[in-house]
């Protein structure tokens, strides 16, 4: 299954319609509001703003699987992200990224290795997957990798459509 075929709702309801990203580069990140890595929202927003005009977006996927660090409702998550970090990039509904209830979107992502060769289960909040225009998952970055890290920026620039 392609990432574009996975059905998932937007954070505020209705379909997130992943097919709209077919011609874009997308950094898909499982996010959480009550995590030590939560300040990465600021870097993700900066990356999104920096490259949006060139066919790039960040897509946040709230997940509560890691020590219950995303306990809020969709409304609470949206308010937190907007008020605290000025997030403008799209967000989906809460989803499981691991286990039997793993969302099909993540089933399409987790086979991609990171720089150390890790594939399979997402290890923590803020793991990042880069999808090139057309749907190829081209890179995976661990949770500790900052959104403005040179390797992330280089990977994004390499797959920008324009």
Protein backbone atom coordinates (compact mmCIF):
# COMPACT_ATOMS: atom_id res chain seq x y z
CA UNK A 1 0.00 0.00 0.00
CA UNK A 2 1.18 3.50 -0.86
CA UNK A 3 1.18 6.21 1.80
CA UNK A 4 -1.33 8.07 -0.37
CA UNK A 5 -3.84 5.21 -0.14
CA UNK A 6 -3.91 5.16 3.66
CA UNK A 7 -7.15 6.62 4.94
CA UNK A 8 -6.75 8.88 7.94
CA UNK A 9 -8.75 11.80 9.22
CA UNK A 10 -7.52 15.32 9.75
CA UNK A 11 -7.12 16.46 13.36
CA UNK A 12 -10.18 18.68 13.09
CA UNK A 13 -12.27 16.00 11.35
CA UNK A 14 -12.91 14.94 7.79
CA UNK A 15 -10.44 13.13 5.57
CA UNK A 16 -6.80 14.20 5.62
CA UNK A 17 -6.72 13.09 1.93
CA UNK A 18 -3.09 12.02 1.70
CA UNK A 19 -3.43 11.90 -2.08
CA UNK A 20 -3.14 15.70 -2.10
CA UNK A 21 0.56 15.26 -1.26
CA UNK A 22 1.34 13.04 -4.26
CA UNK A 23 3.39 15.81 -5.94
CA UNK A 24 5.00 17.10 -2.73
CA UNK A 25 7.80 16.13 -0.40
CA UNK A 26 6.32 15.27 3.00
CA UNK A 27 8.00 14.79 6.38
CA UNK A 28 5.66 12.58 8.42
CA UNK A 29 6.27 12.83 12.17
CA UNK A 30 4.53 11.13 15.09
CA UNK A 31 4.08 13.95 17.57
CA UNK A 32 3.15 14.36 21.24
CA UNK A 33 2.37 17.39 23.40
CA UNK A 34 3.78 16.19 26.72
CA UNK A 35 7.16 14.78 25.70
CA UNK A 36 10.69 15.99 26.34
CA UNK A 37 11.01 16.26 22.56
CA UNK A 38 7.87 18.40 22.17
CA UNK A 39 9.96 21.56 21.51
CA UNK A 40 10.74 19.97 18.11
CA UNK A 41 7.36 21.38 17.05
CA UNK A 42 9.14 24.75 16.65
CA UNK A 43 11.78 23.27 14.33
CA UNK A 44 9.18 21.34 12.36
CA UNK A 45 7.18 24.54 11.83
CA UNK A 46 10.33 26.40 10.71
CA UNK A 47 11.17 23.61 8.24
CA UNK A 48 7.60 23.64 6.96
CA UNK A 49 7.64 27.42 6.46
CA UNK A 50 11.10 27.37 4.86
CA UNK A 51 10.17 24.92 2.10
CA UNK A 52 6.36 25.15 1.74
CA UNK A 53 6.57 27.34 -1.35
CA UNK A 54 8.81 24.71 -2.98
CA UNK A 55 6.35 21.82 -2.59
CA UNK A 56 7.09 20.56 0.93
CA UNK A 57 4.99 19.98 4.00
CA UNK A 58 5.33 18.49 7.44
CA UNK A 59 2.49 16.16 8.43
CA UNK A 60 2.05 15.67 12.16
CA UNK A 61 0.48 12.45 13.43
CA UNK A 62 -0.39 12.65 17.13
CA UNK A 63 0.30 9.39 18.94
CA UNK A 64 -0.37 8.42 22.56
CA UNK A 65 1.54 5.11 22.52
CA UNK A 66 4.68 6.33 24.29
CA UNK A 67 4.02 6.74 28.02
CA UNK A 68 0.67 8.43 27.33
CA UNK A 69 2.38 11.65 26.22
CA UNK A 70 -0.45 12.70 23.87
CA UNK A 71 -3.54 12.33 26.10
CA UNK A 72 -5.56 15.29 24.79
CA UNK A 73 -8.59 15.49 22.57
CA UNK A 74 -8.23 16.68 18.99
CA UNK A 75 -9.34 20.15 20.08
CA UNK A 76 -6.80 20.25 22.92
CA UNK A 77 -3.99 19.09 20.64
CA UNK A 78 -4.86 21.68 17.99
CA UNK A 79 -5.04 24.49 20.57
CA UNK A 80 -1.74 23.47 22.19
CA UNK A 81 0.11 23.28 18.87
CA UNK A 82 -1.25 26.58 17.61
CA UNK A 83 -0.92 28.57 20.84
CA UNK A 84 2.42 27.16 22.00
CA UNK A 85 4.33 26.63 18.76
CA UNK A 86 2.37 28.46 16.07
CA UNK A 87 1.94 25.24 14.11
CA UNK A 88 0.44 25.74 10.66
CA UNK A 89 1.39 22.41 9.08
CA UNK A 90 -1.37 19.80 8.72
CA UNK A 91 -2.09 17.32 11.48
CA UNK A 92 -4.02 14.07 11.43
CA UNK A 93 -6.17 12.44 14.03
CA UNK A 94 -4.42 10.47 16.76
CA UNK A 95 -3.10 7.15 15.46
CA UNK A 96 -1.17 4.11 16.64
CA UNK A 97 2.23 3.78 15.00
CA UNK A 98 3.13 0.37 16.48
CA UNK A 99 1.44 -2.87 17.45
CA UNK A 100 -1.63 -4.71 16.21
CA UNK A 101 -3.55 -1.47 15.73
CA UNK A 102 -0.71 0.18 13.75
CA UNK A 103 -2.27 2.62 11.30
CA UNK A 104 -1.88 1.61 7.62
CA UNK A 105 0.05 4.85 7.02
CA UNK A 106 2.74 3.68 9.43
CA UNK A 107 2.63 0.15 8.03
CA UNK A 108 3.75 1.78 4.76
CA UNK A 109 6.54 3.71 6.49
CA UNK A 110 8.27 1.49 9.06
CA UNK A 111 10.08 -0.76 6.59
CA UNK A 112 12.36 2.14 5.70
CA UNK A 113 15.73 2.03 7.52
CA UNK A 114 17.30 4.98 9.28
CA UNK A 115 21.01 5.81 8.99
CA UNK A 116 21.86 3.07 11.53
CA UNK A 117 19.79 0.49 9.65
CA UNK A 118 16.85 0.38 12.10
CA UNK A 119 13.58 -0.71 10.54
CA UNK A 120 10.32 -1.75 12.11
CA UNK A 121 8.68 -0.23 15.14
CA UNK A 122 8.80 3.49 15.76
CA UNK A 123 11.01 3.96 18.81
CA UNK A 124 9.57 7.13 20.35
CA UNK A 125 7.72 10.36 19.66
CA UNK A 126 9.07 12.57 16.87
CA UNK A 127 10.46 9.84 14.62
CA UNK A 128 10.53 11.30 11.11
CA UNK A 129 9.87 9.75 7.68
CA UNK A 130 10.57 11.65 4.46
CA UNK A 131 8.35 10.82 1.51
CA UNK A 132 9.42 12.07 -1.93
CA UNK A 133 6.94 13.22 -4.56
CA UNK A 134 5.42 10.06 -5.99
CA UNK A 135 5.42 8.22 -2.68
CA UNK A 136 8.88 6.72 -2.18
CA UNK A 137 9.92 6.79 1.48
CA UNK A 138 13.47 8.08 1.08
CA UNK A 139 14.68 8.65 4.63
CA UNK A 140 13.99 7.91 8.28
CA UNK A 141 15.32 9.94 11.18
CA UNK A 142 15.32 8.97 14.83
CA UNK A 143 13.38 10.89 17.47
CA UNK A 144 16.45 12.74 18.77
CA UNK A 145 17.32 14.09 15.31
CA UNK A 146 16.32 17.75 15.25
CA UNK A 147 14.22 19.00 12.32
CA UNK A 148 16.96 21.48 11.38
CA UNK A 149 19.77 18.89 11.50
CA UNK A 150 21.97 19.05 8.40
CA UNK A 151 21.03 15.52 7.36
CA UNK A 152 17.30 16.31 7.51
CA UNK A 153 17.67 19.57 5.58
CA UNK A 154 19.86 17.88 2.93
CA UNK A 155 17.40 15.02 2.51
CA UNK A 156 14.46 17.44 2.15
CA UNK A 157 16.31 19.60 -0.37
CA UNK A 158 17.22 16.52 -2.40
CA UNK A 159 13.55 15.52 -2.92
CA UNK A 160 11.91 18.93 -3.35
CA UNK A 161 9.77 18.95 -6.48
CA UNK A 162 10.62 22.53 -7.48
